[in-house]
Amino acid sequence: MSLRRDGFVVVRDVLDRPMLADLRRRTAALLTAAPVDHRQRQRATGSLIHIAADPGFARLIAWPKALEALAEAGLGGARFSSGYVISKPADGPPLFWHQDWWGWDHPSSYRGTIHQVFLMYYLTDTGIENGCLRVLPGSHRRRHAMHALLPGAHAEKLATAADPGDPAFAAFGDERAVPVRAGDLVIGDARLLHGAYANRSTAERPLITLWYHPHFQRQPAAIRARVARIMHREGVDTDPGGSEAPFPEGWPAAARARIAPLLAEYQGRAAPLAWNRHPDPSRLAA
């Protein structure tokens, strides 16, 4: 697998057992506390709880082995903007095809530059049976049939899985399952089309997704300005209610200090790039 060729890579054994136990405890508490209507509104994702809800996630944001993995992949100088507990309950439906990148109005989005990556930590072993990740390899740079079918990411119709026959849930012959072991790390280009299989098991399948922006200080000013707003949860389409604590202002001083070197701050005068999750398929490679 190659991050630049396929759009994703799996790094084995990034989390140790004590950290896994800590993250399982924290995510279980958040999922137990989540209102029933939250999980009903987020049936396809399973949950969409911002990491602002627990300052204990600061350790994960600054986890040394993950930052080392980014540097080894040529993605150093990264800054952090956001993260969510995205956990699929037993018998949960598939997650729709989507991609996380919102900067398609900038011409650099159609080049080799990676402006944003997701770091996925599954807290249990995953396979197709319990809803592992599925991807369309190469779709971060190349045109795919799904690009023409992409609806608005996180639209209510998709989030509630109201129509299982929607093309956003379709199977493709070139899709690839990405099963992992608990403690592994999946690094993916934010432009990569990805989703997840249904969880047909009898147990929760917990996942934490974090977003980072490599070589942040070298990125275009308009992108940096937008990323800084994302970090403060302004103008995003992923927060289902905004009821969690402010981030990072709402965290205790010790947690803020731990992640301070990684925060995506911008003090310039550039206007934030417009939020646009829809690529122009004609500008993607065939």
C-alpha atoms as a PDB file:
ATOM      1  CA  MET A   1       0.000   0.000   0.000  1.00  0.00           C
ATOM      2  CA  SER A   2       1.133   3.532  -0.709  1.00  0.00           C
ATOM      3  CA  LEU A   3      -0.349   6.703   0.740  1.00  0.00           C
ATOM      4  CA  ARG A   4       0.416   8.746  -2.357  1.00  0.00           C
ATOM      5  CA  ARG A   5      -0.602   6.049  -4.865  1.00  0.00           C
ATOM      6  CA  ASP A   6      -3.612   4.502  -3.112  1.00  0.00           C
ATOM      7  CA  GLY A   7      -4.580   7.371  -0.805  1.00  0.00           C
ATOM      8  CA  PHE A   8      -4.142   5.440   2.444  1.00  0.00           C
ATOM      9  CA  VAL A   9      -1.724   3.323   4.443  1.00  0.00           C
ATOM     10  CA  VAL A  10      -1.967   1.163   7.583  1.00  0.00           C
ATOM     11  CA  VAL A  11       0.666   1.540  10.295  1.00  0.00           C
ATOM     12  CA  ARG A  12       0.698  -1.396  12.694  1.00  0.00           C
ATOM     13  CA  ASP A  13       0.767  -1.285  16.506  1.00  0.00           C
ATOM     14  CA  VAL A  14       0.780   2.477  17.018  1.00  0.00           C
ATOM     15  CA  LEU A  15      -1.198   2.384  20.285  1.00  0.00           C
ATOM     16  CA  ASP A  16      -0.038   0.355  23.279  1.00  0.00           C
ATOM     17  CA  ARG A  17      -2.376  -1.637  25.524  1.00  0.00           C
ATOM     18  CA  PRO A  18      -2.683   0.942  28.328  1.00  0.00           C
ATOM     19  CA  MET A  19      -3.578   3.650  25.818  1.00  0.00           C
ATOM     20  CA  LEU A  20      -6.104   1.386  24.129  1.00  0.00           C
ATOM     21  CA  ALA A  21      -7.734   0.647  27.482  1.00  0.00           C
ATOM     22  CA  ASP A  22      -7.901   4.352  28.301  1.00  0.00           C
ATOM     23  CA  LEU A  23      -9.455   5.246  24.932  1.00  0.00           C
ATOM     24  CA  ARG A  24     -11.994   2.427  25.179  1.00  0.00           C
ATOM     25  CA  ARG A  25     -13.082   3.687  28.588  1.00  0.00           C
ATOM     26  CA  ARG A  26     -13.420   7.265  27.366  1.00  0.00           C
ATOM     27  CA  THR A  27     -15.318   6.421  24.194  1.00  0.00           C
ATOM     28  CA  ALA A  28     -17.655   4.043  26.045  1.00  0.00           C
ATOM     29  CA  ALA A  29     -18.514   6.795  28.526  1.00  0.00           C
ATOM     30  CA  LEU A  30     -19.246   9.275  25.723  1.00  0.00           C
ATOM     31  CA  LEU A  31     -21.371   6.779  23.822  1.00  0.00           C
ATOM     32  CA  THR A  32     -23.338   5.887  26.947  1.00  0.00           C
ATOM     33  CA  ALA A  33     -23.993   9.572  27.595  1.00  0.00           C
ATOM     34  CA  ALA A  34     -24.985  10.364  24.008  1.00  0.00           C
ATOM     35  CA  PRO A  35     -28.686  11.162  23.644  1.00  0.00           C
ATOM     36  CA  VAL A  36     -30.794   8.533  21.911  1.00  0.00           C
ATOM     37  CA  ASP A  37     -31.741  10.984  19.180  1.00  0.00           C
ATOM     38  CA  HIS A  38     -28.056  11.656  18.426  1.00  0.00           C
ATOM     39  CA  ARG A  39     -27.456   8.045  17.492  1.00  0.00           C
ATOM     40  CA  GLN A  40     -30.713   7.915  15.564  1.00  0.00           C
ATOM     41  CA  ARG A  41     -29.730  11.024  13.564  1.00  0.00           C
ATOM     42  CA  GLN A  42     -26.277   9.511  12.974  1.00  0.00           C
ATOM     43  CA  ARG A  43     -27.286   5.940  12.118  1.00  0.00           C
ATOM     44  CA  ALA A  44     -24.895   5.673   9.165  1.00  0.00           C
ATOM     45  CA  THR A  45     -21.881   7.003  11.070  1.00  0.00           C
ATOM     46  CA  GLY A  46     -23.027   5.497  14.369  1.00  0.00           C
ATOM     47  CA  SER A  47     -22.020   8.599  16.303  1.00  0.00           C
ATOM     48  CA  LEU A  48     -20.397  11.939  15.600  1.00  0.00           C
ATOM     49  CA  ILE A  49     -19.079  13.174  18.949  1.00  0.00           C
ATOM     50  CA  HIS A  50     -16.411  15.862  18.822  1.00  0.00           C
ATOM     51  CA  ILE A  51     -13.262  15.140  20.828  1.00  0.00           C
ATOM     52  CA  ALA A  52     -13.862  18.452  22.644  1.00  0.00           C
ATOM     53  CA  ALA A  53     -16.152  16.415  24.891  1.00  0.00           C
ATOM     54  CA  ASP A  54     -13.167  14.884  26.748  1.00  0.00           C
ATOM     55  CA  PRO A  55      -9.816  16.655  27.381  1.00  0.00           C
ATOM     56  CA  GLY A  56      -8.283  13.202  27.887  1.00  0.00           C
ATOM     57  CA  PHE A  57      -8.040  12.953  24.089  1.00  0.00           C
ATOM     58  CA  ALA A  58      -5.141  15.411  24.240  1.00  0.00           C
ATOM     59  CA  ARG A  59      -2.799  12.447  24.762  1.00  0.00           C
ATOM     60  CA  LEU A  60      -4.004  10.873  21.521  1.00  0.00           C
ATOM     61  CA  ILE A  61      -3.710  14.092  19.522  1.00  0.00           C
ATOM     62  CA  ALA A  62      -0.061  14.386  20.580  1.00  0.00           C
ATOM     63  CA  TRP A  63       0.708  10.634  20.509  1.00  0.00           C
ATOM     64  CA  PRO A  64       4.424  10.394  19.602  1.00  0.00           C
ATOM     65  CA  LYS A  65       4.241   7.223  17.486  1.00  0.00           C
ATOM     66  CA  ALA A  66       1.492   8.742  15.332  1.00  0.00           C
ATOM     67  CA  LEU A  67       3.450  11.946  14.772  1.00  0.00           C
ATOM     68  CA  GLU A  68       6.502   9.841  13.923  1.00  0.00           C
ATOM     69  CA  ALA A  69       4.425   7.888  11.395  1.00  0.00           C
ATOM     70  CA  LEU A  70       3.351  11.143   9.741  1.00  0.00           C
ATOM     71  CA  ALA A  71       6.942  12.347   9.553  1.00  0.00           C
ATOM     72  CA  GLU A  72       8.119   9.032   8.081  1.00  0.00           C
ATOM     73  CA  ALA A  73       5.409   9.338   5.422  1.00  0.00           C
ATOM     74  CA  GLY A  74       6.752  12.758   4.455  1.00  0.00           C
ATOM     75  CA  LEU A  75       3.926  14.565   6.240  1.00  0.00           C
ATOM     76  CA  GLY A  76       5.833  16.406   8.940  1.00  0.00           C
ATOM     77  CA  GLY A  77       5.071  19.879  10.239  1.00  0.00           C
ATOM     78  CA  ALA A  78       1.458  18.806  10.698  1.00  0.00           C
ATOM     79  CA  ARG A  79      -1.122  20.767  12.645  1.00  0.00           C
ATOM     80  CA  PHE A  80      -4.304  19.401  14.163  1.00  0.00           C
ATOM     81  CA  SER A  81      -7.783  20.765  13.532  1.00  0.00           C
ATOM     82  CA  SER A  82     -10.529  18.365  14.575  1.00  0.00           C
ATOM     83  CA  GLY A  83     -11.574  14.880  15.594  1.00  0.00           C
ATOM     84  CA  TYR A  84     -14.614  12.725  16.338  1.00  0.00           C
ATOM     85  CA  VAL A  85     -15.721   9.524  18.015  1.00  0.00           C
ATOM     86  CA  ILE A  86     -17.389   7.736  15.106  1.00  0.00           C
ATOM     87  CA  SER A  87     -18.611   4.468  16.559  1.00  0.00           C
ATOM     88  CA  LYS A  88     -20.927   2.022  14.837  1.00  0.00           C
ATOM     89  CA  PRO A  89     -23.272   0.075  17.146  1.00  0.00           C
ATOM     90  CA  ALA A  90     -24.247  -3.551  16.686  1.00  0.00           C
ATOM     91  CA  ASP A  91     -26.417  -4.029  13.588  1.00  0.00           C
ATOM     92  CA  GLY A  92     -25.513  -0.528  12.382  1.00  0.00           C
ATOM     93  CA  PRO A  93     -25.959   0.183   8.635  1.00  0.00           C
ATOM     94  CA  PRO A  94     -23.082   0.959   6.238  1.00  0.00           C
ATOM     95  CA  LEU A  95     -21.422   4.357   6.159  1.00  0.00           C
ATOM     96  CA  PHE A  96     -21.990   6.201   2.878  1.00  0.00           C
ATOM     97  CA  TRP A  97     -19.195   6.974   0.426  1.00  0.00           C
ATOM     98  CA  HIS A  98     -17.714  10.404   1.031  1.00  0.00           C
ATOM     99  CA  GLN A  99     -14.436  12.287   1.178  1.00  0.00           C
ATOM    100  CA  ASP A 100     -13.321  14.693   3.881  1.00  0.00           C
ATOM    101  CA  TRP A 101     -11.661  17.425   1.843  1.00  0.00           C
ATOM    102  CA  TRP A 102     -13.476  20.752   1.628  1.00  0.00           C
ATOM    103  CA  GLY A 103     -10.931  22.847  -0.345  1.00  0.00           C
ATOM    104  CA  TRP A 104     -11.749  21.901  -3.934  1.00  0.00           C
ATOM    105  CA  ASP A 105     -11.969  25.547  -4.984  1.00  0.00           C
ATOM    106  CA  HIS A 106      -8.191  25.799  -4.641  1.00  0.00           C
ATOM    107  CA  PRO A 107      -6.208  24.568  -7.694  1.00  0.00           C
ATOM    108  CA  SER A 108      -3.643  22.802  -5.496  1.00  0.00           C
ATOM    109  CA  SER A 109      -6.359  20.318  -4.484  1.00  0.00           C
ATOM    110  CA  TYR A 110      -5.986  18.687  -7.912  1.00  0.00           C
ATOM    111  CA  ARG A 111      -2.223  18.215  -7.562  1.00  0.00           C
ATOM    112  CA  GLY A 112      -0.017  15.921  -5.529  1.00  0.00           C
ATOM    113  CA  THR A 113      -0.016  18.125  -2.446  1.00  0.00           C
ATOM    114  CA  ILE A 114      -1.715  16.546   0.569  1.00  0.00           C
ATOM    115  CA  HIS A 115      -3.422  19.299   2.540  1.00  0.00           C
ATOM    116  CA  GLN A 116      -5.284  17.131   5.045  1.00  0.00           C
ATOM    117  CA  VAL A 117      -5.089  13.567   6.315  1.00  0.00           C
ATOM    118  CA  PHE A 118      -7.334  11.514   8.564  1.00  0.00           C
ATOM    119  CA  LEU A 119      -5.851   9.357  11.300  1.00  0.00           C
ATOM    120  CA  MET A 120      -8.212   6.531  12.200  1.00  0.00           C
ATOM    121  CA  TYR A 121      -7.839   4.489  15.366  1.00  0.00           C
ATOM    122  CA  TYR A 122     -10.160   1.482  15.578  1.00  0.00           C
ATOM    123  CA  LEU A 123     -10.354   0.343  19.194  1.00  0.00           C
ATOM    124  CA  THR A 124     -11.334  -3.239  18.353  1.00  0.00           C
ATOM    125  CA  ASP A 125     -10.179  -5.628  15.639  1.00  0.00           C
ATOM    126  CA  THR A 126     -12.212  -4.948  12.512  1.00  0.00           C
ATOM    127  CA  GLY A 127     -13.302  -6.867   9.448  1.00  0.00           C
ATOM    128  CA  ILE A 128     -16.138  -6.723   6.938  1.00  0.00           C
ATOM    129  CA  GLU A 129     -18.456  -8.459   9.423  1.00  0.00           C
ATOM    130  CA  ASN A 130     -18.270  -5.683  12.028  1.00  0.00           C
ATOM    131  CA  GLY A 131     -18.004  -2.660   9.755  1.00  0.00           C
ATOM    132  CA  CYS A 132     -14.390  -2.082   8.811  1.00  0.00           C
ATOM    133  CA  LEU A 133     -13.267   0.755   6.585  1.00  0.00           C
ATOM    134  CA  ARG A 134     -13.769   0.465   2.829  1.00  0.00           C
ATOM    135  CA  VAL A 135     -11.985   2.662   0.297  1.00  0.00           C
ATOM    136  CA  LEU A 136     -11.800   3.364  -3.423  1.00  0.00           C
ATOM    137  CA  PRO A 137      -8.013   3.283  -3.930  1.00  0.00           C
ATOM    138  CA  GLY A 138      -6.615   6.126  -5.987  1.00  0.00           C
ATOM    139  CA  SER A 139      -9.810   8.187  -5.849  1.00  0.00           C
ATOM    140  CA  HIS A 140      -7.965  11.002  -4.080  1.00  0.00           C
ATOM    141  CA  ARG A 141      -6.360  11.899  -7.420  1.00  0.00           C
ATOM    142  CA  ARG A 142      -8.261   9.987 -10.100  1.00  0.00           C
ATOM    143  CA  ARG A 143     -11.787  10.368 -11.381  1.00  0.00           C
ATOM    144  CA  HIS A 144     -14.220   7.694 -10.191  1.00  0.00           C
ATOM    145  CA  ALA A 145     -17.878   7.041 -11.044  1.00  0.00           C
ATOM    146  CA  MET A 146     -18.755   7.872  -7.429  1.00  0.00           C
ATOM    147  CA  HIS A 147     -17.559  11.463  -7.856  1.00  0.00           C
ATOM    148  CA  ALA A 148     -20.519  12.199 -10.116  1.00  0.00           C
ATOM    149  CA  LEU A 149     -22.911  10.709  -7.567  1.00  0.00           C
ATOM    150  CA  LEU A 150     -21.612  12.415  -4.430  1.00  0.00           C
ATOM    151  CA  PRO A 151     -24.402  14.085  -2.469  1.00  0.00           C
ATOM    152  CA  GLY A 152     -23.752  16.567   0.317  1.00  0.00           C
ATOM    153  CA  ALA A 153     -21.596  14.838   2.922  1.00  0.00           C
ATOM    154  CA  HIS A 154     -23.407  14.317   6.225  1.00  0.00           C
ATOM    155  CA  ALA A 155     -26.750  15.313   4.711  1.00  0.00           C
ATOM    156  CA  GLU A 156     -29.650  14.158   6.863  1.00  0.00           C
ATOM    157  CA  LYS A 157     -30.878  11.603   4.323  1.00  0.00           C
ATOM    158  CA  LEU A 158     -27.491   9.874   4.384  1.00  0.00           C
ATOM    159  CA  ALA A 159     -26.783  10.314   8.086  1.00  0.00           C
ATOM    160  CA  THR A 160     -30.036   8.563   9.005  1.00  0.00           C
ATOM    161  CA  ALA A 161     -29.553   5.869   6.316  1.00  0.00           C
ATOM    162  CA  ALA A 162     -33.129   6.555   5.278  1.00  0.00           C
ATOM    163  CA  ASP A 163     -32.612   5.043   1.816  1.00  0.00           C
ATOM    164  CA  PRO A 164     -30.258   2.018   1.790  1.00  0.00           C
ATOM    165  CA  GLY A 165     -30.578   1.970  -2.011  1.00  0.00           C
ATOM    166  CA  ASP A 166     -28.988   5.402  -2.380  1.00  0.00           C
ATOM    167  CA  PRO A 167     -25.904   5.259  -4.673  1.00  0.00           C
ATOM    168  CA  ALA A 168     -23.858   6.637  -1.764  1.00  0.00           C
ATOM    169  CA  PHE A 169     -24.097   3.171  -0.171  1.00  0.00           C
ATOM    170  CA  ALA A 170     -23.404   1.214  -3.377  1.00  0.00           C
ATOM    171  CA  ALA A 171     -20.819  -1.537  -3.748  1.00  0.00           C
ATOM    172  CA  PHE A 172     -18.083  -1.117  -6.366  1.00  0.00           C
ATOM    173  CA  GLY A 173     -15.920  -3.785  -7.916  1.00  0.00           C
ATOM    174  CA  ASP A 174     -12.766  -1.791  -7.221  1.00  0.00           C
ATOM    175  CA  GLU A 175     -13.506  -1.051  -3.558  1.00  0.00           C
ATOM    176  CA  ARG A 176     -11.109  -2.455  -0.989  1.00  0.00           C
ATOM    177  CA  ALA A 177     -11.794  -3.536   2.580  1.00  0.00           C
ATOM    178  CA  VAL A 178      -9.260  -2.318   5.134  1.00  0.00           C
ATOM    179  CA  PRO A 179      -9.427  -4.654   8.149  1.00  0.00           C
ATOM    180  CA  VAL A 180      -7.125  -3.689  11.018  1.00  0.00           C
ATOM    181  CA  ARG A 181      -6.172  -4.787  14.513  1.00  0.00           C
ATOM    182  CA  ALA A 182      -6.937  -2.685  17.577  1.00  0.00           C
ATOM    183  CA  GLY A 183      -4.040  -0.297  18.031  1.00  0.00           C
ATOM    184  CA  ASP A 184      -3.234   0.024  14.333  1.00  0.00           C
ATOM    185  CA  LEU A 185      -3.398   3.401  12.637  1.00  0.00           C
ATOM    186  CA  VAL A 186      -4.953   4.165   9.242  1.00  0.00           C
ATOM    187  CA  ILE A 187      -3.578   7.310   7.609  1.00  0.00           C
ATOM    188  CA  GLY A 188      -5.609   8.547   4.664  1.00  0.00           C
ATOM    189  CA  ASP A 189      -5.588  11.454   2.234  1.00  0.00           C
ATOM    190  CA  ALA A 190      -8.701  13.522   2.993  1.00  0.00           C
ATOM    191  CA  ARG A 191      -9.607  13.448  -0.714  1.00  0.00           C
ATOM    192  CA  LEU A 192      -9.926   9.657  -0.719  1.00  0.00           C
ATOM    193  CA  LEU A 193     -13.437   8.292  -1.216  1.00  0.00           C
ATOM    194  CA  HIS A 194     -14.158   6.039   1.755  1.00  0.00           C
ATOM    195  CA  GLY A 195     -16.981   4.577   3.811  1.00  0.00           C
ATOM    196  CA  ALA A 196     -17.571   1.562   6.030  1.00  0.00           C
ATOM    197  CA  TYR A 197     -19.400  -1.746   5.881  1.00  0.00           C
ATOM    198  CA  ALA A 198     -22.423  -2.478   8.027  1.00  0.00           C
ATOM    199  CA  ASN A 199     -21.732  -3.763  11.527  1.00  0.00           C
ATOM    200  CA  ARG A 200     -23.400  -7.170  11.487  1.00  0.00           C
ATOM    201  CA  SER A 201     -21.873  -8.219  14.789  1.00  0.00           C
ATOM    202  CA  THR A 202     -23.424  -8.020  18.253  1.00  0.00           C
ATOM    203  CA  ALA A 203     -20.857  -5.553  19.616  1.00  0.00           C
ATOM    204  CA  GLU A 204     -20.025  -1.873  19.253  1.00  0.00           C
ATOM    205  CA  ARG A 205     -17.231  -1.014  16.778  1.00  0.00           C
ATOM    206  CA  PRO A 206     -15.585   2.111  18.223  1.00  0.00           C
ATOM    207  CA  LEU A 207     -13.425   4.441  16.145  1.00  0.00           C
ATOM    208  CA  ILE A 208     -11.676   7.762  16.752  1.00  0.00           C
ATOM    209  CA  THR A 209     -10.863   9.894  13.696  1.00  0.00           C
ATOM    210  CA  LEU A 210      -8.475  12.855  13.913  1.00  0.00           C
ATOM    211  CA  TRP A 211      -7.648  15.388  11.176  1.00  0.00           C
ATOM    212  CA  TYR A 212      -4.161  16.811  10.606  1.00  0.00           C
ATOM    213  CA  HIS A 213      -2.719  19.208   8.031  1.00  0.00           C
ATOM    214  CA  PRO A 214       0.847  18.364   6.910  1.00  0.00           C
ATOM    215  CA  HIS A 215       3.442  21.087   6.338  1.00  0.00           C
ATOM    216  CA  PHE A 216       0.859  23.532   7.613  1.00  0.00           C
ATOM    217  CA  GLN A 217       3.033  26.621   7.468  1.00  0.00           C
ATOM    218  CA  ARG A 218       3.733  25.987   3.764  1.00  0.00           C
ATOM    219  CA  GLN A 219       0.076  25.644   2.801  1.00  0.00           C
ATOM    220  CA  PRO A 220      -1.714  28.479   0.955  1.00  0.00           C
ATOM    221  CA  ALA A 221      -2.864  31.254   3.287  1.00  0.00           C
ATOM    222  CA  ALA A 222      -6.530  30.845   2.363  1.00  0.00           C
ATOM    223  CA  ILE A 223      -6.403  27.165   3.319  1.00  0.00           C
ATOM    224  CA  ARG A 224      -4.626  27.909   6.603  1.00  0.00           C
ATOM    225  CA  ALA A 225      -7.262  30.512   7.414  1.00  0.00           C
ATOM    226  CA  ARG A 226     -10.050  27.998   6.831  1.00  0.00           C
ATOM    227  CA  VAL A 227      -8.284  25.266   8.826  1.00  0.00           C
ATOM    228  CA  ALA A 228      -8.017  27.602  11.816  1.00  0.00           C
ATOM    229  CA  ARG A 229     -11.769  28.147  11.689  1.00  0.00           C
ATOM    230  CA  ILE A 230     -12.355  24.397  11.535  1.00  0.00           C
ATOM    231  CA  MET A 231     -10.271  23.980  14.669  1.00  0.00           C
ATOM    232  CA  HIS A 232     -12.635  26.362  16.435  1.00  0.00           C
ATOM    233  CA  ARG A 233     -15.573  24.503  14.841  1.00  0.00           C
ATOM    234  CA  GLU A 234     -16.777  27.419  12.763  1.00  0.00           C
ATOM    235  CA  GLY A 235     -18.479  26.807   9.427  1.00  0.00           C
ATOM    236  CA  VAL A 236     -18.197  23.011   9.378  1.00  0.00           C
ATOM    237  CA  ASP A 237     -20.847  20.520   8.293  1.00  0.00           C
ATOM    238  CA  THR A 238     -19.946  17.723  10.715  1.00  0.00           C
ATOM    239  CA  ASP A 239     -21.095  19.000  14.120  1.00  0.00           C
ATOM    240  CA  PRO A 240     -24.612  17.661  14.664  1.00  0.00           C
ATOM    241  CA  GLY A 241     -25.558  20.055  17.434  1.00  0.00           C
ATOM    242  CA  GLY A 242     -22.584  21.914  18.771  1.00  0.00           C
ATOM    243  CA  SER A 243     -23.434  20.922  22.350  1.00  0.00           C
ATOM    244  CA  GLU A 244     -19.916  19.802  23.289  1.00  0.00           C
ATOM    245  CA  ALA A 245     -17.449  22.052  25.109  1.00  0.00           C
ATOM    246  CA  PRO A 246     -15.582  24.718  23.097  1.00  0.00           C
ATOM    247  CA  PHE A 247     -12.303  23.542  21.623  1.00  0.00           C
ATOM    248  CA  PRO A 248      -9.595  24.098  22.681  1.00  0.00           C
ATOM    249  CA  GLU A 249     -10.650  26.959  24.945  1.00  0.00           C
ATOM    250  CA  GLY A 250     -12.894  24.704  27.020  1.00  0.00           C
ATOM    251  CA  TRP A 251     -10.110  22.320  27.985  1.00  0.00           C
ATOM    252  CA  PRO A 252      -8.023  22.535  31.183  1.00  0.00           C
ATOM    253  CA  ALA A 253      -4.646  24.248  30.924  1.00  0.00           C
ATOM    254  CA  ALA A 254      -2.666  20.985  31.066  1.00  0.00           C
ATOM    255  CA  ALA A 255      -4.567  19.492  28.121  1.00  0.00           C
ATOM    256  CA  ARG A 256      -4.224  22.690  26.097  1.00  0.00           C
ATOM    257  CA  ALA A 257      -0.490  22.799  26.801  1.00  0.00           C
ATOM    258  CA  ARG A 258      -0.044  19.218  25.602  1.00  0.00           C
ATOM    259  CA  ILE A 259      -1.491  19.956  22.169  1.00  0.00           C
ATOM    260  CA  ALA A 260      -0.457  23.615  21.851  1.00  0.00           C
ATOM    261  CA  PRO A 261       2.421  22.940  19.395  1.00  0.00           C
ATOM    262  CA  LEU A 262       0.003  21.078  17.118  1.00  0.00           C
ATOM    263  CA  LEU A 263      -2.846  23.576  16.937  1.00  0.00           C
ATOM    264  CA  ALA A 264      -3.685  25.018  13.515  1.00  0.00           C
ATOM    265  CA  GLU A 265      -3.620  28.722  14.335  1.00  0.00           C
ATOM    266  CA  TYR A 266      -3.575  31.455  11.684  1.00  0.00           C
ATOM    267  CA  GLN A 267      -2.997  35.156  12.382  1.00  0.00           C
ATOM    268  CA  GLY A 268      -2.794  36.459   8.812  1.00  0.00           C
ATOM    269  CA  ARG A 269      -5.255  38.534   6.832  1.00  0.00           C
ATOM    270  CA  ALA A 270      -6.224  36.096   4.076  1.00  0.00           C
ATOM    271  CA  ALA A 271      -9.915  35.323   3.697  1.00  0.00           C
ATOM    272  CA  PRO A 272     -10.704  31.678   4.517  1.00  0.00           C
ATOM    273  CA  LEU A 273     -11.112  29.466   1.477  1.00  0.00           C
ATOM    274  CA  ALA A 274     -14.766  28.718   0.752  1.00  0.00           C
ATOM    275  CA  TRP A 275     -16.047  25.410   2.083  1.00  0.00           C
ATOM    276  CA  ASN A 276     -16.611  23.092  -0.887  1.00  0.00           C
ATOM    277  CA  ARG A 277     -16.625  19.297  -0.575  1.00  0.00           C
ATOM    278  CA  HIS A 278     -17.429  18.710  -4.246  1.00  0.00           C
ATOM    279  CA  PRO A 279     -14.484  18.189  -6.616  1.00  0.00           C
ATOM    280  CA  ASP A 280     -14.747  19.037 -10.289  1.00  0.00           C
ATOM    281  CA  PRO A 281     -14.449  15.558 -11.849  1.00  0.00           C
ATOM    282  CA  SER A 282     -13.166  17.042 -15.098  1.00  0.00           C
ATOM    283  CA  ARG A 283     -10.069  18.282 -13.256  1.00  0.00           C
ATOM    284  CA  LEU A 284      -9.239  14.869 -11.796  1.00  0.00           C
ATOM    285  CA  ALA A 285      -6.974  12.476 -13.674  1.00  0.00           C
ATOM    286  CA  ALA A 286      -8.744   9.827 -15.727  1.00  0.00           C
END
